C-alpha atoms as a PDB file:
ATOM      1  CA  UNK A   1      11.164 -28.561 -59.623  1.00  0.00           C
ATOM      2  CA  UNK A   2      10.154 -31.586 -57.552  1.00  0.00           C
ATOM      3  CA  UNK A   3      13.591 -33.066 -56.887  1.00  0.00           C
ATOM      4  CA  UNK A   4      15.793 -32.436 -53.854  1.00  0.00           C
ATOM      5  CA  UNK A   5      16.995 -28.941 -53.006  1.00  0.00           C
ATOM      6  CA  UNK A   6      20.734 -28.863 -52.294  1.00  0.00           C
ATOM      7  CA  UNK A   7      22.502 -26.201 -50.227  1.00  0.00           C
ATOM      8  CA  UNK A   8      26.304 -26.351 -50.324  1.00  0.00           C
ATOM      9  CA  UNK A   9      28.174 -24.666 -47.499  1.00  0.00           C
ATOM     10  CA  UNK A  10      25.156 -25.355 -45.316  1.00  0.00           C
ATOM     11  CA  UNK A  11      27.117 -25.054 -42.064  1.00  0.00           C
ATOM     12  CA  UNK A  12      28.281 -21.542 -42.949  1.00  0.00           C
ATOM     13  CA  UNK A  13      26.783 -18.142 -42.231  1.00  0.00           C
ATOM     14  CA  UNK A  14      24.457 -17.573 -45.203  1.00  0.00           C
ATOM     15  CA  UNK A  15      23.995 -21.287 -45.870  1.00  0.00           C
ATOM     16  CA  UNK A  16      22.632 -21.982 -42.395  1.00  0.00           C
ATOM     17  CA  UNK A  17      20.136 -19.130 -42.621  1.00  0.00           C
ATOM     18  CA  UNK A  18      19.107 -20.278 -46.083  1.00  0.00           C
ATOM     19  CA  UNK A  19      18.400 -23.763 -44.715  1.00  0.00           C
ATOM     20  CA  UNK A  20      16.182 -22.242 -42.045  1.00  0.00           C
ATOM     21  CA  UNK A  21      14.317 -20.172 -44.630  1.00  0.00           C
ATOM     22  CA  UNK A  22      13.762 -23.073 -47.029  1.00  0.00           C
ATOM     23  CA  UNK A  23      12.648 -25.433 -44.277  1.00  0.00           C
ATOM     24  CA  UNK A  24      10.124 -22.856 -43.101  1.00  0.00           C
ATOM     25  CA  UNK A  25       8.832 -21.717 -46.503  1.00  0.00           C
ATOM     26  CA  UNK A  26       9.038 -25.013 -48.443  1.00  0.00           C
ATOM     27  CA  UNK A  27       8.387 -27.710 -45.826  1.00  0.00           C
ATOM     28  CA  UNK A  28       7.345 -30.321 -48.399  1.00  0.00           C
ATOM     29  CA  UNK A  29      10.602 -30.176 -50.387  1.00  0.00           C
ATOM     30  CA  UNK A  30      13.436 -32.619 -49.696  1.00  0.00           C
ATOM     31  CA  UNK A  31      16.272 -30.467 -48.321  1.00  0.00           C
ATOM     32  CA  UNK A  32      19.882 -31.669 -48.565  1.00  0.00           C
ATOM     33  CA  UNK A  33      22.686 -29.909 -46.691  1.00  0.00           C
ATOM     34  CA  UNK A  34      26.318 -30.356 -47.727  1.00  0.00           C
ATOM     35  CA  UNK A  35      29.179 -29.376 -45.464  1.00  0.00           C
ATOM     36  CA  UNK A  36      32.880 -30.133 -45.315  1.00  0.00           C
ATOM     37  CA  UNK A  37      32.409 -30.787 -41.615  1.00  0.00           C
ATOM     38  CA  UNK A  38      29.106 -31.786 -40.075  1.00  0.00           C
ATOM     39  CA  UNK A  39      28.267 -29.356 -37.224  1.00  0.00           C
ATOM     40  CA  UNK A  40      27.942 -30.872 -33.745  1.00  0.00           C
ATOM     41  CA  UNK A  41      24.352 -29.628 -33.360  1.00  0.00           C
ATOM     42  CA  UNK A  42      23.215 -31.154 -36.660  1.00  0.00           C
ATOM     43  CA  UNK A  43      20.231 -32.901 -35.067  1.00  0.00           C
ATOM     44  CA  UNK A  44      18.739 -29.473 -34.310  1.00  0.00           C
ATOM     45  CA  UNK A  45      19.208 -28.223 -37.880  1.00  0.00           C
ATOM     46  CA  UNK A  46      16.841 -28.774 -40.804  1.00  0.00           C
ATOM     47  CA  UNK A  47      17.589 -30.999 -43.770  1.00  0.00           C
ATOM     48  CA  UNK A  48      19.477 -34.208 -44.411  1.00  0.00           C
ATOM     49  CA  UNK A  49      23.195 -33.623 -43.929  1.00  0.00           C
ATOM     50  CA  UNK A  50      26.002 -35.117 -46.019  1.00  0.00           C
ATOM     51  CA  UNK A  51      29.707 -34.579 -45.422  1.00  0.00           C
ATOM     52  CA  UNK A  52      31.085 -33.610 -48.834  1.00  0.00           C
ATOM     53  CA  UNK A  53      34.470 -32.068 -49.595  1.00  0.00           C
ATOM     54  CA  UNK A  54      33.887 -30.021 -52.746  1.00  0.00           C
ATOM     55  CA  UNK A  55      37.606 -29.971 -53.533  1.00  0.00           C
ATOM     56  CA  UNK A  56      37.373 -33.691 -54.428  1.00  0.00           C
ATOM     57  CA  UNK A  57      36.092 -33.803 -58.005  1.00  0.00           C
ATOM     58  CA  UNK A  58      35.171 -37.487 -58.114  1.00  0.00           C
ATOM     59  CA  UNK A  59      33.335 -37.316 -54.799  1.00  0.00           C
ATOM     60  CA  UNK A  60      31.282 -34.377 -56.058  1.00  0.00           C
ATOM     61  CA  UNK A  61      30.468 -36.201 -59.311  1.00  0.00           C
ATOM     62  CA  UNK A  62      29.355 -39.323 -57.479  1.00  0.00           C
ATOM     63  CA  UNK A  63      27.266 -37.397 -54.951  1.00  0.00           C
ATOM     64  CA  UNK A  64      25.470 -35.327 -57.604  1.00  0.00           C
ATOM     65  CA  UNK A  65      24.837 -38.412 -59.754  1.00  0.00           C
ATOM     66  CA  UNK A  66      23.143 -40.110 -56.797  1.00  0.00           C
ATOM     67  CA  UNK A  67      21.239 -37.051 -55.641  1.00  0.00           C
ATOM     68  CA  UNK A  68      20.187 -35.497 -58.966  1.00  0.00           C
ATOM     69  CA  UNK A  69      18.955 -32.251 -57.373  1.00  0.00           C
ATOM     70  CA  UNK A  70      16.434 -30.012 -59.072  1.00  0.00           C
ATOM     71  CA  UNK A  71      17.741 -26.887 -57.300  1.00  0.00           C
ATOM     72  CA  UNK A  72      21.187 -25.978 -55.968  1.00  0.00           C
ATOM     73  CA  UNK A  73      22.173 -23.000 -53.821  1.00  0.00           C
ATOM     74  CA  UNK A  74      25.966 -22.923 -54.034  1.00  0.00           C
ATOM     75  CA  UNK A  75      26.846 -21.147 -50.783  1.00  0.00           C
ATOM     76  CA  UNK A  76      30.119 -22.984 -50.169  1.00  0.00           C
ATOM     77  CA  UNK A  77      33.379 -21.085 -50.499  1.00  0.00           C
ATOM     78  CA  UNK A  78      35.891 -18.749 -48.953  1.00  0.00           C
ATOM     79  CA  UNK A  79      33.979 -15.842 -47.334  1.00  0.00           C
ATOM     80  CA  UNK A  80      36.634 -13.342 -46.283  1.00  0.00           C
ATOM     81  CA  UNK A  81      37.095 -10.138 -48.265  1.00  0.00           C
ATOM     82  CA  UNK A  82      40.080  -9.040 -46.158  1.00  0.00           C
ATOM     83  CA  UNK A  83      43.655 -10.030 -46.833  1.00  0.00           C
ATOM     84  CA  UNK A  84      44.332  -8.076 -50.035  1.00  0.00           C
ATOM     85  CA  UNK A  85      46.536 -10.038 -52.422  1.00  0.00           C
ATOM     86  CA  UNK A  86      48.663 -11.766 -49.789  1.00  0.00           C
ATOM     87  CA  UNK A  87      47.115 -15.187 -50.365  1.00  0.00           C
ATOM     88  CA  UNK A  88      45.600 -15.507 -53.827  1.00  0.00           C
ATOM     89  CA  UNK A  89      45.627 -19.301 -53.937  1.00  0.00           C
ATOM     90  CA  UNK A  90      43.222 -19.913 -51.066  1.00  0.00           C
ATOM     91  CA  UNK A  91      40.170 -17.965 -52.335  1.00  0.00           C
ATOM     92  CA  UNK A  92      40.805 -19.126 -55.907  1.00  0.00           C
ATOM     93  CA  UNK A  93      40.906 -22.739 -54.783  1.00  0.00           C
ATOM     94  CA  UNK A  94      37.959 -22.392 -52.423  1.00  0.00           C
ATOM     95  CA  UNK A  95      35.694 -20.354 -54.709  1.00  0.00           C
ATOM     96  CA  UNK A  96      36.636 -21.090 -58.318  1.00  0.00           C
ATOM     97  CA  UNK A  97      37.825 -24.698 -58.263  1.00  0.00           C
ATOM     98  CA  UNK A  98      34.906 -26.052 -56.241  1.00  0.00           C
ATOM     99  CA  UNK A  99      32.440 -24.204 -58.469  1.00  0.00           C
ATOM    100  CA  UNK A 100      33.969 -25.797 -61.561  1.00  0.00           C
ATOM    101  CA  UNK A 101      33.749 -29.231 -59.930  1.00  0.00           C
ATOM    102  CA  UNK A 102      30.097 -28.660 -59.043  1.00  0.00           C
ATOM    103  CA  UNK A 103      29.186 -27.452 -62.536  1.00  0.00           C
ATOM    104  CA  UNK A 104      31.071 -30.386 -64.058  1.00  0.00           C
ATOM    105  CA  UNK A 105      29.071 -32.810 -61.922  1.00  0.00           C
ATOM    106  CA  UNK A 106      25.774 -31.134 -62.803  1.00  0.00           C
ATOM    107  CA  UNK A 107      26.612 -31.212 -66.526  1.00  0.00           C
ATOM    108  CA  UNK A 108      27.304 -34.942 -66.310  1.00  0.00           C
ATOM    109  CA  UNK A 109      24.089 -35.567 -64.394  1.00  0.00           C
ATOM    110  CA  UNK A 110      21.987 -34.017 -67.158  1.00  0.00           C
ATOM    111  CA  UNK A 111      19.536 -31.132 -67.244  1.00  0.00           C
ATOM    112  CA  UNK A 112      16.651 -30.126 -65.051  1.00  0.00           C
ATOM    113  CA  UNK A 113      18.605 -28.420 -62.290  1.00  0.00           C
ATOM    114  CA  UNK A 114      18.461 -24.721 -61.453  1.00  0.00           C
ATOM    115  CA  UNK A 115      21.384 -23.071 -59.646  1.00  0.00           C
ATOM    116  CA  UNK A 116      21.692 -19.860 -57.638  1.00  0.00           C
ATOM    117  CA  UNK A 117      25.291 -18.709 -57.249  1.00  0.00           C
ATOM    118  CA  UNK A 118      26.010 -16.163 -54.484  1.00  0.00           C
ATOM    119  CA  UNK A 119      28.753 -13.865 -55.753  1.00  0.00           C
ATOM    120  CA  UNK A 120      29.871 -10.559 -54.258  1.00  0.00           C
ATOM    121  CA  UNK A 121      29.344  -6.838 -54.672  1.00  0.00           C
ATOM    122  CA  UNK A 122      33.077  -6.403 -54.042  1.00  0.00           C
ATOM    123  CA  UNK A 123      33.756  -7.098 -57.734  1.00  0.00           C
ATOM    124  CA  UNK A 124      32.781  -3.539 -58.731  1.00  0.00           C
ATOM    125  CA  UNK A 125      35.255  -0.763 -59.386  1.00  0.00           C
ATOM    126  CA  UNK A 126      35.268   1.854 -56.627  1.00  0.00           C
ATOM    127  CA  UNK A 127      32.592   4.538 -57.048  1.00  0.00           C
ATOM    128  CA  UNK A 128      30.529   6.951 -54.950  1.00  0.00           C
ATOM    129  CA  UNK A 129      27.209   6.057 -56.609  1.00  0.00           C
ATOM    130  CA  UNK A 130      25.017   2.982 -56.193  1.00  0.00           C
ATOM    131  CA  UNK A 131      26.318   0.240 -58.466  1.00  0.00           C
ATOM    132  CA  UNK A 132      24.072  -1.277 -61.093  1.00  0.00           C
ATOM    133  CA  UNK A 133      24.881  -4.634 -62.662  1.00  0.00           C
ATOM    134  CA  UNK A 134      26.191  -2.855 -65.784  1.00  0.00           C
ATOM    135  CA  UNK A 135      28.864  -0.897 -63.903  1.00  0.00           C
ATOM    136  CA  UNK A 136      32.572  -1.650 -64.480  1.00  0.00           C
ATOM    137  CA  UNK A 137      34.194  -4.387 -62.405  1.00  0.00           C
ATOM    138  CA  UNK A 138      37.667  -4.135 -60.914  1.00  0.00           C
ATOM    139  CA  UNK A 139      38.561  -6.635 -58.180  1.00  0.00           C
ATOM    140  CA  UNK A 140      40.600  -5.090 -55.379  1.00  0.00           C
ATOM    141  CA  UNK A 141      41.558  -8.272 -53.572  1.00  0.00           C
ATOM    142  CA  UNK A 142      42.197 -11.939 -54.230  1.00  0.00           C
ATOM    143  CA  UNK A 143      38.778 -12.649 -52.749  1.00  0.00           C
ATOM    144  CA  UNK A 144      36.900 -10.351 -55.144  1.00  0.00           C
ATOM    145  CA  UNK A 145      38.992 -11.655 -58.050  1.00  0.00           C
ATOM    146  CA  UNK A 146      37.929 -15.195 -57.153  1.00  0.00           C
ATOM    147  CA  UNK A 147      34.260 -14.162 -56.985  1.00  0.00           C
ATOM    148  CA  UNK A 148      34.473 -12.545 -60.427  1.00  0.00           C
ATOM    149  CA  UNK A 149      36.117 -15.674 -61.833  1.00  0.00           C
ATOM    150  CA  UNK A 150      33.346 -17.729 -60.231  1.00  0.00           C
ATOM    151  CA  UNK A 151      30.788 -15.551 -62.028  1.00  0.00           C
ATOM    152  CA  UNK A 152      32.520 -16.090 -65.350  1.00  0.00           C
ATOM    153  CA  UNK A 153      32.402 -19.852 -64.865  1.00  0.00           C
ATOM    154  CA  UNK A 154      28.673 -19.578 -64.260  1.00  0.00           C
ATOM    155  CA  UNK A 155      27.998 -17.417 -67.303  1.00  0.00           C
ATOM    156  CA  UNK A 156      30.084 -19.751 -69.501  1.00  0.00           C
ATOM    157  CA  UNK A 157      28.145 -22.726 -68.129  1.00  0.00           C
ATOM    158  CA  UNK A 158      24.907 -21.038 -69.220  1.00  0.00           C
ATOM    159  CA  UNK A 159      26.133 -20.100 -72.693  1.00  0.00           C
ATOM    160  CA  UNK A 160      28.092 -23.232 -73.579  1.00  0.00           C
ATOM    161  CA  UNK A 161      26.582 -26.008 -71.470  1.00  0.00           C
ATOM    162  CA  UNK A 162      22.986 -24.912 -71.083  1.00  0.00           C
ATOM    163  CA  UNK A 163      23.067 -24.922 -67.295  1.00  0.00           C
ATOM    164  CA  UNK A 164      20.357 -22.871 -65.615  1.00  0.00           C
ATOM    165  CA  UNK A 165      22.489 -20.566 -63.421  1.00  0.00           C
ATOM    166  CA  UNK A 166      21.478 -17.293 -61.782  1.00  0.00           C
ATOM    167  CA  UNK A 167      24.306 -15.087 -60.470  1.00  0.00           C
ATOM    168  CA  UNK A 168      23.944 -12.781 -57.490  1.00  0.00           C
ATOM    169  CA  UNK A 169      26.126  -9.976 -56.203  1.00  0.00           C
ATOM    170  CA  UNK A 170      25.188  -9.543 -52.553  1.00  0.00           C
ATOM    171  CA  UNK A 171      26.598  -6.503 -50.801  1.00  0.00           C
ATOM    172  CA  UNK A 172      27.636  -6.549 -47.136  1.00  0.00           C
ATOM    173  CA  UNK A 173      25.333  -8.509 -44.862  1.00  0.00           C
ATOM    174  CA  UNK A 174      25.433  -9.460 -41.216  1.00  0.00           C
ATOM    175  CA  UNK A 175      23.405 -11.094 -38.480  1.00  0.00           C
ATOM    176  CA  UNK A 176      23.521 -13.957 -35.998  1.00  0.00           C
ATOM    177  CA  UNK A 177      26.143 -16.689 -36.640  1.00  0.00           C
ATOM    178  CA  UNK A 178      28.517 -14.474 -38.605  1.00  0.00           C
ATOM    179  CA  UNK A 179      32.137 -14.913 -37.587  1.00  0.00           C
ATOM    180  CA  UNK A 180      33.786 -12.116 -35.626  1.00  0.00           C
ATOM    181  CA  UNK A 181      36.290 -11.682 -38.459  1.00  0.00           C
ATOM    182  CA  UNK A 182      33.788  -9.136 -39.822  1.00  0.00           C
ATOM    183  CA  UNK A 183      33.220  -5.677 -38.349  1.00  0.00           C
ATOM    184  CA  UNK A 184      29.657  -5.829 -36.982  1.00  0.00           C
ATOM    185  CA  UNK A 185      29.953  -9.215 -35.248  1.00  0.00           C
ATOM    186  CA  UNK A 186      33.408  -8.220 -33.984  1.00  0.00           C
ATOM    187  CA  UNK A 187      31.877  -5.201 -32.255  1.00  0.00           C
ATOM    188  CA  UNK A 188      29.018  -7.300 -30.875  1.00  0.00           C
ATOM    189  CA  UNK A 189      31.354 -10.040 -29.647  1.00  0.00           C
ATOM    190  CA  UNK A 190      33.521  -7.512 -27.843  1.00  0.00           C
ATOM    191  CA  UNK A 191      30.522  -5.846 -26.181  1.00  0.00           C
ATOM    192  CA  UNK A 192      29.182  -9.227 -25.038  1.00  0.00           C
ATOM    193  CA  UNK A 193      32.606 -10.179 -23.646  1.00  0.00           C
ATOM    194  CA  UNK A 194      32.859  -6.833 -21.821  1.00  0.00           C
ATOM    195  CA  UNK A 195      29.400  -7.363 -20.325  1.00  0.00           C
ATOM    196  CA  UNK A 196      30.509 -10.774 -19.037  1.00  0.00           C
ATOM    197  CA  UNK A 197      33.668  -9.289 -17.535  1.00  0.00           C
ATOM    198  CA  UNK A 198      35.923 -11.256 -19.894  1.00  0.00           C
ATOM    199  CA  UNK A 199      37.800  -8.249 -21.277  1.00  0.00           C
ATOM    200  CA  UNK A 200      38.476  -4.622 -20.463  1.00  0.00           C
ATOM    201  CA  UNK A 201      35.730  -2.138 -21.472  1.00  0.00           C
ATOM    202  CA  UNK A 202      37.465  -1.071 -24.680  1.00  0.00           C
ATOM    203  CA  UNK A 203      36.295  -1.958 -28.198  1.00  0.00           C
ATOM    204  CA  UNK A 204      39.127  -2.313 -30.709  1.00  0.00           C
ATOM    205  CA  UNK A 205      38.178  -0.974 -34.137  1.00  0.00           C
ATOM    206  CA  UNK A 206      39.486  -0.442 -37.631  1.00  0.00           C
ATOM    207  CA  UNK A 207      38.300   2.166 -40.129  1.00  0.00           C
ATOM    208  CA  UNK A 208      34.934   3.593 -39.035  1.00  0.00           C
ATOM    209  CA  UNK A 209      34.491   6.118 -41.862  1.00  0.00           C
ATOM    210  CA  UNK A 210      33.851   3.576 -44.617  1.00  0.00           C
ATOM    211  CA  UNK A 211      30.210   3.390 -45.691  1.00  0.00           C
ATOM    212  CA  UNK A 212      28.617   0.044 -46.454  1.00  0.00           C
ATOM    213  CA  UNK A 213      25.330  -1.193 -47.922  1.00  0.00           C
ATOM    214  CA  UNK A 214      24.515  -3.476 -44.994  1.00  0.00           C
ATOM    215  CA  UNK A 215      21.675  -5.999 -45.182  1.00  0.00           C
ATOM    216  CA  UNK A 216      20.410  -8.566 -42.718  1.00  0.00           C
ATOM    217  CA  UNK A 217      21.493 -12.049 -43.833  1.00  0.00           C
ATOM    218  CA  UNK A 218      17.891 -13.247 -43.530  1.00  0.00           C
ATOM    219  CA  UNK A 219      16.840 -10.731 -46.171  1.00  0.00           C
ATOM    220  CA  UNK A 220      19.708 -11.886 -48.390  1.00  0.00           C
ATOM    221  CA  UNK A 221      18.697 -15.551 -48.331  1.00  0.00           C
ATOM    222  CA  UNK A 222      15.103 -14.539 -49.021  1.00  0.00           C
ATOM    223  CA  UNK A 223      16.412 -12.873 -52.192  1.00  0.00           C
ATOM    224  CA  UNK A 224      18.231 -16.079 -53.167  1.00  0.00           C
ATOM    225  CA  UNK A 225      15.026 -18.094 -52.812  1.00  0.00           C
ATOM    226  CA  UNK A 226      13.055 -15.506 -54.808  1.00  0.00           C
ATOM    227  CA  UNK A 227      15.606 -15.657 -57.619  1.00  0.00           C
ATOM    228  CA  UNK A 228      15.472 -19.446 -57.646  1.00  0.00           C
ATOM    229  CA  UNK A 229      11.759 -19.071 -58.383  1.00  0.00           C
ATOM    230  CA  UNK A 230      11.735 -16.268 -60.967  1.00  0.00           C
ATOM    231  CA  UNK A 231      15.301 -15.190 -61.837  1.00  0.00           C
ATOM    232  CA  UNK A 232      16.544 -15.338 -65.430  1.00  0.00           C
ATOM    233  CA  UNK A 233      19.417 -17.749 -66.237  1.00  0.00           C
ATOM    234  CA  UNK A 234      22.681 -16.061 -67.158  1.00  0.00           C
ATOM    235  CA  UNK A 235      21.617 -12.828 -65.461  1.00  0.00           C
ATOM    236  CA  UNK A 236      23.440 -11.016 -62.648  1.00  0.00           C
ATOM    237  CA  UNK A 237      21.411  -9.544 -59.777  1.00  0.00           C
ATOM    238  CA  UNK A 238      22.594  -7.170 -57.076  1.00  0.00           C
ATOM    239  CA  UNK A 239      21.286  -7.940 -53.590  1.00  0.00           C
ATOM    240  CA  UNK A 240      21.451  -4.628 -51.756  1.00  0.00           C
ATOM    241  CA  UNK A 241      19.505  -2.205 -49.574  1.00  0.00           C
ATOM    242  CA  UNK A 242      20.451   0.957 -51.453  1.00  0.00           C
ATOM    243  CA  UNK A 243      21.527   2.590 -48.169  1.00  0.00           C
ATOM    244  CA  UNK A 244      25.204   3.172 -47.330  1.00  0.00           C
ATOM    245  CA  UNK A 245      25.739   3.384 -43.558  1.00  0.00           C
ATOM    246  CA  UNK A 246      29.030   4.436 -41.972  1.00  0.00           C
ATOM    247  CA  UNK A 247      30.652   1.632 -39.983  1.00  0.00           C
ATOM    248  CA  UNK A 248      30.583   4.117 -37.111  1.00  0.00           C
ATOM    249  CA  UNK A 249      26.761   3.981 -37.179  1.00  0.00           C
ATOM    250  CA  UNK A 250      26.871   0.218 -36.700  1.00  0.00           C
ATOM    251  CA  UNK A 251      29.242   0.600 -33.771  1.00  0.00           C
ATOM    252  CA  UNK A 252      27.224   3.428 -32.228  1.00  0.00           C
ATOM    253  CA  UNK A 253      24.029   1.376 -32.498  1.00  0.00           C
ATOM    254  CA  UNK A 254      25.598  -1.598 -30.744  1.00  0.00           C
ATOM    255  CA  UNK A 255      27.204   0.549 -28.030  1.00  0.00           C
ATOM    256  CA  UNK A 256      23.803   2.149 -27.359  1.00  0.00           C
ATOM    257  CA  UNK A 257      22.515  -1.364 -26.604  1.00  0.00           C
ATOM    258  CA  UNK A 258      25.399  -2.253 -24.260  1.00  0.00           C
ATOM    259  CA  UNK A 259      24.622  -2.904 -20.612  1.00  0.00           C
ATOM    260  CA  UNK A 260      27.942  -1.406 -19.504  1.00  0.00           C
ATOM    261  CA  UNK A 261      29.977   1.676 -20.413  1.00  0.00           C
ATOM    262  CA  UNK A 262      32.558   1.039 -23.124  1.00  0.00           C
ATOM    263  CA  UNK A 263      35.152   3.154 -24.902  1.00  0.00           C
ATOM    264  CA  UNK A 264      36.532   2.870 -28.428  1.00  0.00           C
ATOM    265  CA  UNK A 265      40.196   2.507 -29.396  1.00  0.00           C
ATOM    266  CA  UNK A 266      41.712   2.336 -32.906  1.00  0.00           C
ATOM    267  CA  UNK A 267      43.530  -0.909 -33.700  1.00  0.00           C
ATOM    268  CA  UNK A 268      45.996  -0.746 -36.641  1.00  0.00           C
ATOM    269  CA  UNK A 269      45.753  -4.523 -37.037  1.00  0.00           C
ATOM    270  CA  UNK A 270      42.096  -4.127 -38.041  1.00  0.00           C
ATOM    271  CA  UNK A 271      42.795  -1.615 -40.812  1.00  0.00           C
ATOM    272  CA  UNK A 272      42.416  -3.083 -44.309  1.00  0.00           C
ATOM    273  CA  UNK A 273      44.962  -1.941 -46.893  1.00  0.00           C
ATOM    274  CA  UNK A 274      42.341  -2.342 -49.660  1.00  0.00           C
ATOM    275  CA  UNK A 275      39.413  -0.719 -47.847  1.00  0.00           C
ATOM    276  CA  UNK A 276      36.970   1.088 -50.145  1.00  0.00           C
ATOM    277  CA  UNK A 277      35.322   4.335 -48.939  1.00  0.00           C
ATOM    278  CA  UNK A 278      31.825   3.483 -50.230  1.00  0.00           C
ATOM    279  CA  UNK A 279      30.132   0.236 -51.277  1.00  0.00           C
ATOM    280  CA  UNK A 280      26.538   0.760 -52.344  1.00  0.00           C
ATOM    281  CA  UNK A 281      24.258  -1.318 -54.543  1.00  0.00           C
ATOM    282  CA  UNK A 282      21.197  -0.730 -56.704  1.00  0.00           C
ATOM    283  CA  UNK A 283      18.860  -3.757 -56.485  1.00  0.00           C
ATOM    284  CA  UNK A 284      16.268  -2.483 -58.992  1.00  0.00           C
ATOM    285  CA  UNK A 285      16.732  -5.507 -61.261  1.00  0.00           C
ATOM    286  CA  UNK A 286      16.118  -7.882 -58.366  1.00  0.00           C
ATOM    287  CA  UNK A 287      13.041  -5.965 -57.210  1.00  0.00           C
ATOM    288  CA  UNK A 288      11.585  -5.832 -60.706  1.00  0.00           C
ATOM    289  CA  UNK A 289      12.152  -9.543 -61.278  1.00  0.00           C
ATOM    290  CA  UNK A 290      10.951 -10.901 -57.941  1.00  0.00           C
ATOM    291  CA  UNK A 291       9.225  -8.165 -55.929  1.00  0.00           C
ATOM    292  CA  UNK A 292      11.857  -8.624 -53.225  1.00  0.00           C
ATOM    293  CA  UNK A 293      12.588  -5.842 -50.743  1.00  0.00           C
ATOM    294  CA  UNK A 294      14.425  -5.869 -47.396  1.00  0.00           C
ATOM    295  CA  UNK A 295      11.991  -6.662 -44.570  1.00  0.00           C
ATOM    296  CA  UNK A 296      14.165  -6.674 -41.445  1.00  0.00           C
ATOM    297  CA  UNK A 297      14.842  -3.256 -39.862  1.00  0.00           C
ATOM    298  CA  UNK A 298      18.436  -2.280 -39.143  1.00  0.00           C
ATOM    299  CA  UNK A 299      17.586  -1.988 -35.451  1.00  0.00           C
ATOM    300  CA  UNK A 300      16.406  -5.603 -35.288  1.00  0.00           C
ATOM    301  CA  UNK A 301      19.585  -6.760 -36.987  1.00  0.00           C
ATOM    302  CA  UNK A 302      21.649  -5.061 -34.285  1.00  0.00           C
ATOM    303  CA  UNK A 303      19.427  -6.467 -31.513  1.00  0.00           C
ATOM    304  CA  UNK A 304      19.664 -10.027 -32.836  1.00  0.00           C
ATOM    305  CA  UNK A 305      23.388  -9.809 -33.522  1.00  0.00           C
ATOM    306  CA  UNK A 306      24.181  -8.649 -30.011  1.00  0.00           C
ATOM    307  CA  UNK A 307      21.815 -11.189 -28.442  1.00  0.00           C
ATOM    308  CA  UNK A 308      23.537 -13.955 -30.410  1.00  0.00           C
ATOM    309  CA  UNK A 309      26.952 -13.062 -28.989  1.00  0.00           C
ATOM    310  CA  UNK A 310      25.534 -12.624 -25.501  1.00  0.00           C
ATOM    311  CA  UNK A 311      24.281 -16.203 -25.629  1.00  0.00           C
ATOM    312  CA  UNK A 312      27.451 -17.612 -27.219  1.00  0.00           C
ATOM    313  CA  UNK A 313      30.520 -18.822 -25.333  1.00  0.00           C
ATOM    314  CA  UNK A 314      33.664 -16.744 -25.562  1.00  0.00           C
ATOM    315  CA  UNK A 315      35.378 -16.943 -28.946  1.00  0.00           C
ATOM    316  CA  UNK A 316      38.757 -15.685 -30.122  1.00  0.00           C
ATOM    317  CA  UNK A 317      38.314 -12.599 -32.293  1.00  0.00           C
END
């Protein structure tokens, strides 16, 4: 695997952390970053950046034919699990269509490329136990439906086209750079804004009783890189901690780090109609294949998340 390493969605949450990891751990590899919009601070980011719109099939074909990568991390797509079934077209277009265009381009370019596809643990049917990869799937939102369809494209590409694709099902993850549309960064953003005197000392929250298998994003991208090295094509791997924490524990941990006194108020607008009581993953297959294990303590994740929002300008939530 001596050709370029391509990261799609490189300006996004997981993609940006993956770039950092690859640049640090594989400094001799040529690193290519694709984004629909080039970030303004691109000169401070690793890799060579190309502005590519993955919804344009011919542009993707041409770019892959020129690049001929030996490894692709396909992080591009629609990241939001909220929204239920109100807008099915957007996640299907953003997750399924662009994946088909990428696979089509890689098929045309010939063999020799290995692909890691980040999916989602939200595809599983609701259960109280830790999900293994053999558990039943039952998408509960348009987002999770699109991620399952994306998986099926990948598995078909392995069986019928001989592409070397590894599928992951990461469970919830957070950390610096995650948008405040998600619970943990929303809490951290609000605390940082309260500390700066930009809003009243009240944190608006949704459901705090749900329990989530919450990883640090930097552990997640380490798992992706490990699977690129030793994962089996056509195999699905959970990326999970095996610990289900109540959302309330995340909030309590961030409030304990606040420099001011804050109170908590329920916000009906933040309640998800499709919220699942427990989401918990079993990553035994991943550990057995790669030796991977989470390395970043929960406390450091909270520290870094809050510090990120303290150093960021005010953002709409």
